[in-house]
Amino acid sequence: MNGHTEGAGSTARCGAVVTPLGAVTIVATGEAITGIYFSDQRHRPKDAALGDHVDDDALVDAAASQLVEYLAGDRTDFDLPVHTHGDAFHQAVWNALRGIPFGTTTTYGQVAAEIGMPQQAQRVGQAVGRNPVGIVIPCHRVIGADGSLTGYAGGLQRKRWLLELEEPKEIRASRLF
């Protein structure tokens, strides 16, 4: 996955893909993915802000294909140009999220410490909740300090599903329930 700023001023366009977690809208601006949103997601921009719907767009189609592969368990990372809009704090948080490996979790406090603001765990949580490129920037991998599933703009049931998808097969197979 690349941090990519090209096309920040270009017109947005979007496409949709049906996934096991529901319909997902993929937004691209210029040559970068700028949004991935569930239809009922908190902080989802209004439809008019997502741009014109396109049926045949190489970048949107690549993002849709990679997302479907990931959700099927056939992909562990994304190879997509990504551009996010936000202030320096939000950018720092979202960049830290990109470094969380597949199959692992971290806490809001650990992210806060990683960006040099260890007292800002709650503020980190707010930035995580406003991640515009969910799944690709893996905000679902951030959990509460006590290991609980807390906050996910796409809903806690989706967060649980994503974390179970990434759980090592040996652990999944050893569960009794």
C-alpha atoms as a PDB file:
ATOM      1  CA  MET A   1       0.000   0.000   0.000  1.00  0.00           C
ATOM      2  CA  ASN A   2       1.437   3.345  -0.945  1.00  0.00           C
ATOM      3  CA  GLY A   3       0.979   6.745   0.634  1.00  0.00           C
ATOM      4  CA  HIS A   4       0.128   8.708  -2.473  1.00  0.00           C
ATOM      5  CA  THR A   5      -0.747  12.347  -2.941  1.00  0.00           C
ATOM      6  CA  GLU A   6      -1.130  12.605  -6.684  1.00  0.00           C
ATOM      7  CA  GLY A   7      -4.516  13.799  -7.831  1.00  0.00           C
ATOM      8  CA  ALA A   8      -5.576  15.388  -4.561  1.00  0.00           C
ATOM      9  CA  GLY A   9      -7.404  18.126  -6.462  1.00  0.00           C
ATOM     10  CA  SER A  10      -8.973  15.913  -9.126  1.00  0.00           C
ATOM     11  CA  THR A  11     -12.647  15.071  -9.365  1.00  0.00           C
ATOM     12  CA  ALA A  12     -13.759  12.135  -7.249  1.00  0.00           C
ATOM     13  CA  ARG A  13     -15.318   9.039  -8.762  1.00  0.00           C
ATOM     14  CA  CYS A  14     -16.689   5.943  -7.096  1.00  0.00           C
ATOM     15  CA  GLY A  15     -17.740   2.385  -7.611  1.00  0.00           C
ATOM     16  CA  ALA A  16     -19.434  -0.210  -5.447  1.00  0.00           C
ATOM     17  CA  VAL A  17     -18.772  -3.819  -4.594  1.00  0.00           C
ATOM     18  CA  VAL A  18     -20.919  -6.287  -2.667  1.00  0.00           C
ATOM     19  CA  THR A  19     -18.976  -8.078   0.068  1.00  0.00           C
ATOM     20  CA  PRO A  20     -19.787 -10.534   2.859  1.00  0.00           C
ATOM     21  CA  LEU A  21     -19.962  -7.465   5.119  1.00  0.00           C
ATOM     22  CA  GLY A  22     -22.392  -5.572   2.894  1.00  0.00           C
ATOM     23  CA  ALA A  23     -22.103  -3.065   0.097  1.00  0.00           C
ATOM     24  CA  VAL A  24     -18.877  -1.058   0.017  1.00  0.00           C
ATOM     25  CA  THR A  25     -18.291   2.176  -1.884  1.00  0.00           C
ATOM     26  CA  ILE A  26     -14.765   2.766  -3.168  1.00  0.00           C
ATOM     27  CA  VAL A  27     -13.782   6.370  -3.900  1.00  0.00           C
ATOM     28  CA  ALA A  28     -10.843   7.427  -6.055  1.00  0.00           C
ATOM     29  CA  THR A  29      -9.474  10.861  -6.822  1.00  0.00           C
ATOM     30  CA  GLY A  30      -6.811  11.170  -9.480  1.00  0.00           C
ATOM     31  CA  GLU A  31      -4.583   8.141  -9.216  1.00  0.00           C
ATOM     32  CA  ALA A  32      -5.291   7.245  -5.582  1.00  0.00           C
ATOM     33  CA  ILE A  33      -7.970   5.599  -3.461  1.00  0.00           C
ATOM     34  CA  THR A  34      -9.386   8.239  -1.115  1.00  0.00           C
ATOM     35  CA  GLY A  35     -12.274   6.413   0.512  1.00  0.00           C
ATOM     36  CA  ILE A  36     -13.697   2.991   1.313  1.00  0.00           C
ATOM     37  CA  TYR A  37     -17.047   3.113   3.078  1.00  0.00           C
ATOM     38  CA  PHE A  38     -19.825   0.769   4.140  1.00  0.00           C
ATOM     39  CA  SER A  39     -23.263   2.114   3.221  1.00  0.00           C
ATOM     40  CA  ASP A  40     -24.248   2.545   6.884  1.00  0.00           C
ATOM     41  CA  GLN A  41     -20.874   3.672   8.189  1.00  0.00           C
ATOM     42  CA  ARG A  42     -20.546   6.528  10.652  1.00  0.00           C
ATOM     43  CA  HIS A  43     -18.747   9.563   9.217  1.00  0.00           C
ATOM     44  CA  ARG A  44     -19.469   8.433   5.643  1.00  0.00           C
ATOM     45  CA  PRO A  45     -19.571  11.439   3.317  1.00  0.00           C
ATOM     46  CA  LYS A  46     -22.847  12.303   1.629  1.00  0.00           C
ATOM     47  CA  ASP A  47     -23.343  10.552  -1.715  1.00  0.00           C
ATOM     48  CA  ALA A  48     -22.817  13.796  -3.651  1.00  0.00           C
ATOM     49  CA  ALA A  49     -19.304  14.090  -2.176  1.00  0.00           C
ATOM     50  CA  LEU A  50     -18.332  10.602  -3.365  1.00  0.00           C
ATOM     51  CA  GLY A  51     -18.207  11.669  -7.004  1.00  0.00           C
ATOM     52  CA  ASP A  52     -19.698  10.221 -10.142  1.00  0.00           C
ATOM     53  CA  HIS A  53     -20.367   6.482 -10.209  1.00  0.00           C
ATOM     54  CA  VAL A  54     -18.129   4.679 -12.701  1.00  0.00           C
ATOM     55  CA  ASP A  55     -18.590   1.153 -13.998  1.00  0.00           C
ATOM     56  CA  ASP A  56     -15.195   0.731 -15.644  1.00  0.00           C
ATOM     57  CA  ASP A  57     -12.276   2.332 -13.828  1.00  0.00           C
ATOM     58  CA  ALA A  58      -8.950   0.499 -13.494  1.00  0.00           C
ATOM     59  CA  LEU A  59      -8.118   1.859 -10.038  1.00  0.00           C
ATOM     60  CA  VAL A  60     -11.579   1.400  -8.534  1.00  0.00           C
ATOM     61  CA  ASP A  61     -11.774  -2.086 -10.074  1.00  0.00           C
ATOM     62  CA  ALA A  62      -8.334  -3.013  -8.672  1.00  0.00           C
ATOM     63  CA  ALA A  63      -9.398  -1.854  -5.210  1.00  0.00           C
ATOM     64  CA  ALA A  64     -12.642  -3.838  -5.465  1.00  0.00           C
ATOM     65  CA  SER A  65     -10.767  -6.978  -6.559  1.00  0.00           C
ATOM     66  CA  GLN A  66      -8.216  -6.687  -3.768  1.00  0.00           C
ATOM     67  CA  LEU A  67     -10.951  -6.064  -1.204  1.00  0.00           C
ATOM     68  CA  VAL A  68     -12.882  -9.160  -2.342  1.00  0.00           C
ATOM     69  CA  GLU A  69      -9.666 -11.241  -2.230  1.00  0.00           C
ATOM     70  CA  TYR A  70      -8.889  -9.994   1.280  1.00  0.00           C
ATOM     71  CA  LEU A  71     -12.400 -10.729   2.548  1.00  0.00           C
ATOM     72  CA  ALA A  72     -12.192 -14.238   1.045  1.00  0.00           C
ATOM     73  CA  GLY A  73      -8.982 -14.877   2.988  1.00  0.00           C
ATOM     74  CA  ASP A  74      -6.842 -14.859  -0.161  1.00  0.00           C
ATOM     75  CA  ARG A  75      -4.917 -11.627   0.524  1.00  0.00           C
ATOM     76  CA  THR A  76      -3.176 -10.247   3.605  1.00  0.00           C
ATOM     77  CA  ASP A  77      -2.206  -6.785   2.394  1.00  0.00           C
ATOM     78  CA  PHE A  78      -3.152  -4.240  -0.228  1.00  0.00           C
ATOM     79  CA  ASP A  79      -1.116  -2.875  -3.112  1.00  0.00           C
ATOM     80  CA  LEU A  80      -3.035   0.315  -3.807  1.00  0.00           C
ATOM     81  CA  PRO A  81      -2.104   3.985  -3.997  1.00  0.00           C
ATOM     82  CA  VAL A  82      -3.886   5.728  -1.127  1.00  0.00           C
ATOM     83  CA  HIS A  83      -4.337   9.415  -0.330  1.00  0.00           C
ATOM     84  CA  THR A  84      -5.989  10.700   2.826  1.00  0.00           C
ATOM     85  CA  HIS A  85      -7.081  14.228   3.685  1.00  0.00           C
ATOM     86  CA  GLY A  86      -6.677  15.370   7.264  1.00  0.00           C
ATOM     87  CA  ASP A  87      -4.654  17.481   9.637  1.00  0.00           C
ATOM     88  CA  ALA A  88      -1.177  16.451  10.823  1.00  0.00           C
ATOM     89  CA  PHE A  89      -2.532  14.550  13.834  1.00  0.00           C
ATOM     90  CA  HIS A  90      -4.996  12.495  11.771  1.00  0.00           C
ATOM     91  CA  GLN A  91      -2.314  11.784   9.159  1.00  0.00           C
ATOM     92  CA  ALA A  92       0.079  10.575  11.880  1.00  0.00           C
ATOM     93  CA  VAL A  93      -2.568   8.237  13.299  1.00  0.00           C
ATOM     94  CA  TRP A  94      -3.564   6.859   9.895  1.00  0.00           C
ATOM     95  CA  ASN A  95       0.093   6.331   8.956  1.00  0.00           C
ATOM     96  CA  ALA A  96       0.613   4.425  12.216  1.00  0.00           C
ATOM     97  CA  LEU A  97      -2.390   2.219  11.402  1.00  0.00           C
ATOM     98  CA  ARG A  98      -0.780   1.262   8.099  1.00  0.00           C
ATOM     99  CA  GLY A  99       2.060  -0.314  10.054  1.00  0.00           C
ATOM    100  CA  ILE A 100      -0.125  -2.753  12.023  1.00  0.00           C
ATOM    101  CA  PRO A 101       0.577  -6.180  10.502  1.00  0.00           C
ATOM    102  CA  PHE A 102      -2.134  -8.570   9.341  1.00  0.00           C
ATOM    103  CA  GLY A 103      -3.262 -10.869  12.131  1.00  0.00           C
ATOM    104  CA  THR A 104      -2.173  -8.576  14.961  1.00  0.00           C
ATOM    105  CA  THR A 105      -3.870  -5.955  17.075  1.00  0.00           C
ATOM    106  CA  THR A 106      -2.730  -2.914  18.994  1.00  0.00           C
ATOM    107  CA  THR A 107      -4.399  -0.507  21.392  1.00  0.00           C
ATOM    108  CA  TYR A 108      -5.329   3.135  21.086  1.00  0.00           C
ATOM    109  CA  GLY A 109      -2.741   3.876  23.770  1.00  0.00           C
ATOM    110  CA  GLN A 110      -0.032   2.046  21.842  1.00  0.00           C
ATOM    111  CA  VAL A 111      -0.854   4.051  18.710  1.00  0.00           C
ATOM    112  CA  ALA A 112      -0.749   7.256  20.772  1.00  0.00           C
ATOM    113  CA  ALA A 113       2.685   6.300  22.112  1.00  0.00           C
ATOM    114  CA  GLU A 114       3.904   5.375  18.634  1.00  0.00           C
ATOM    115  CA  ILE A 115       3.093   8.844  17.294  1.00  0.00           C
ATOM    116  CA  GLY A 116       4.765  10.480  20.291  1.00  0.00           C
ATOM    117  CA  MET A 117       1.589  11.509  22.124  1.00  0.00           C
ATOM    118  CA  PRO A 118       1.133   8.866  24.832  1.00  0.00           C
ATOM    119  CA  GLN A 119      -1.501  10.877  26.715  1.00  0.00           C
ATOM    120  CA  GLN A 120      -3.754  11.201  23.657  1.00  0.00           C
ATOM    121  CA  ALA A 121      -5.334   7.719  23.427  1.00  0.00           C
ATOM    122  CA  GLN A 122      -8.874   9.119  23.351  1.00  0.00           C
ATOM    123  CA  ARG A 123      -7.969  11.579  20.607  1.00  0.00           C
ATOM    124  CA  VAL A 124      -6.327   8.721  18.696  1.00  0.00           C
ATOM    125  CA  GLY A 125      -9.609   6.815  19.005  1.00  0.00           C
ATOM    126  CA  GLN A 126     -11.457   9.711  17.424  1.00  0.00           C
ATOM    127  CA  ALA A 127      -8.980   9.831  14.521  1.00  0.00           C
ATOM    128  CA  VAL A 128      -9.183   6.054  14.074  1.00  0.00           C
ATOM    129  CA  GLY A 129     -12.973   6.373  13.866  1.00  0.00           C
ATOM    130  CA  ARG A 130     -12.629   8.881  11.046  1.00  0.00           C
ATOM    131  CA  ASN A 131     -10.303   6.754   8.919  1.00  0.00           C
ATOM    132  CA  PRO A 132     -11.539   7.358   5.359  1.00  0.00           C
ATOM    133  CA  VAL A 133      -9.998   4.217   3.851  1.00  0.00           C
ATOM    134  CA  GLY A 134     -11.248   1.467   6.138  1.00  0.00           C
ATOM    135  CA  ILE A 135      -9.884  -2.064   5.849  1.00  0.00           C
ATOM    136  CA  VAL A 136      -7.049  -0.929   3.543  1.00  0.00           C
ATOM    137  CA  ILE A 137      -5.851   1.317   6.375  1.00  0.00           C
ATOM    138  CA  PRO A 138      -6.568  -1.311   9.047  1.00  0.00           C
ATOM    139  CA  CYS A 139      -8.321   0.614  11.807  1.00  0.00           C
ATOM    140  CA  HIS A 140     -10.161  -2.595  12.734  1.00  0.00           C
ATOM    141  CA  ARG A 141      -6.893  -3.849  14.284  1.00  0.00           C
ATOM    142  CA  VAL A 142      -7.072  -1.291  17.108  1.00  0.00           C
ATOM    143  CA  ILE A 143      -8.720  -2.530  20.297  1.00  0.00           C
ATOM    144  CA  GLY A 144      -9.283  -1.296  23.833  1.00  0.00           C
ATOM    145  CA  ALA A 145      -6.509  -1.447  26.442  1.00  0.00           C
ATOM    146  CA  ASP A 146      -8.338  -4.336  28.133  1.00  0.00           C
ATOM    147  CA  GLY A 147      -8.575  -6.296  24.871  1.00  0.00           C
ATOM    148  CA  SER A 148     -12.207  -5.392  24.262  1.00  0.00           C
ATOM    149  CA  LEU A 149     -13.616  -4.473  20.897  1.00  0.00           C
ATOM    150  CA  THR A 150     -14.377  -0.791  21.055  1.00  0.00           C
ATOM    151  CA  GLY A 151     -15.565   1.576  18.390  1.00  0.00           C
ATOM    152  CA  TYR A 152     -15.567   0.878  14.687  1.00  0.00           C
ATOM    153  CA  ALA A 153     -17.245   3.228  12.237  1.00  0.00           C
ATOM    154  CA  GLY A 154     -18.474   0.208  10.269  1.00  0.00           C
ATOM    155  CA  GLY A 155     -19.990  -1.416  13.363  1.00  0.00           C
ATOM    156  CA  LEU A 156     -18.562  -3.763  15.974  1.00  0.00           C
ATOM    157  CA  GLN A 157     -19.978  -6.864  14.254  1.00  0.00           C
ATOM    158  CA  ARG A 158     -17.865  -6.059  11.187  1.00  0.00           C
ATOM    159  CA  LYS A 159     -14.797  -5.371  13.324  1.00  0.00           C
ATOM    160  CA  ARG A 160     -15.216  -8.770  15.006  1.00  0.00           C
ATOM    161  CA  TRP A 161     -15.650 -10.459  11.601  1.00  0.00           C
ATOM    162  CA  LEU A 162     -12.482  -8.806  10.236  1.00  0.00           C
ATOM    163  CA  LEU A 163     -10.412  -9.742  13.277  1.00  0.00           C
ATOM    164  CA  GLU A 164     -11.658 -13.341  13.101  1.00  0.00           C
ATOM    165  CA  LEU A 165     -10.755 -13.418   9.407  1.00  0.00           C
ATOM    166  CA  GLU A 166      -7.201 -12.396  10.284  1.00  0.00           C
ATOM    167  CA  GLU A 167      -6.905 -14.753  13.246  1.00  0.00           C
ATOM    168  CA  PRO A 168      -4.310 -17.503  12.712  1.00  0.00           C
ATOM    169  CA  LYS A 169      -5.960 -20.696  11.473  1.00  0.00           C
ATOM    170  CA  GLU A 170      -4.458 -22.726  14.355  1.00  0.00           C
ATOM    171  CA  ILE A 171      -6.183 -20.523  16.934  1.00  0.00           C
ATOM    172  CA  ARG A 172      -9.449 -20.488  15.015  1.00  0.00           C
ATOM    173  CA  ALA A 173      -9.394 -24.303  14.744  1.00  0.00           C
ATOM    174  CA  SER A 174      -8.723 -24.722  18.477  1.00  0.00           C
ATOM    175  CA  ARG A 175     -11.784 -22.757  19.581  1.00  0.00           C
ATOM    176  CA  LEU A 176     -14.516 -24.747  21.240  1.00  0.00           C
ATOM    177  CA  PHE A 177     -17.215 -22.167  20.462  1.00  0.00           C
END
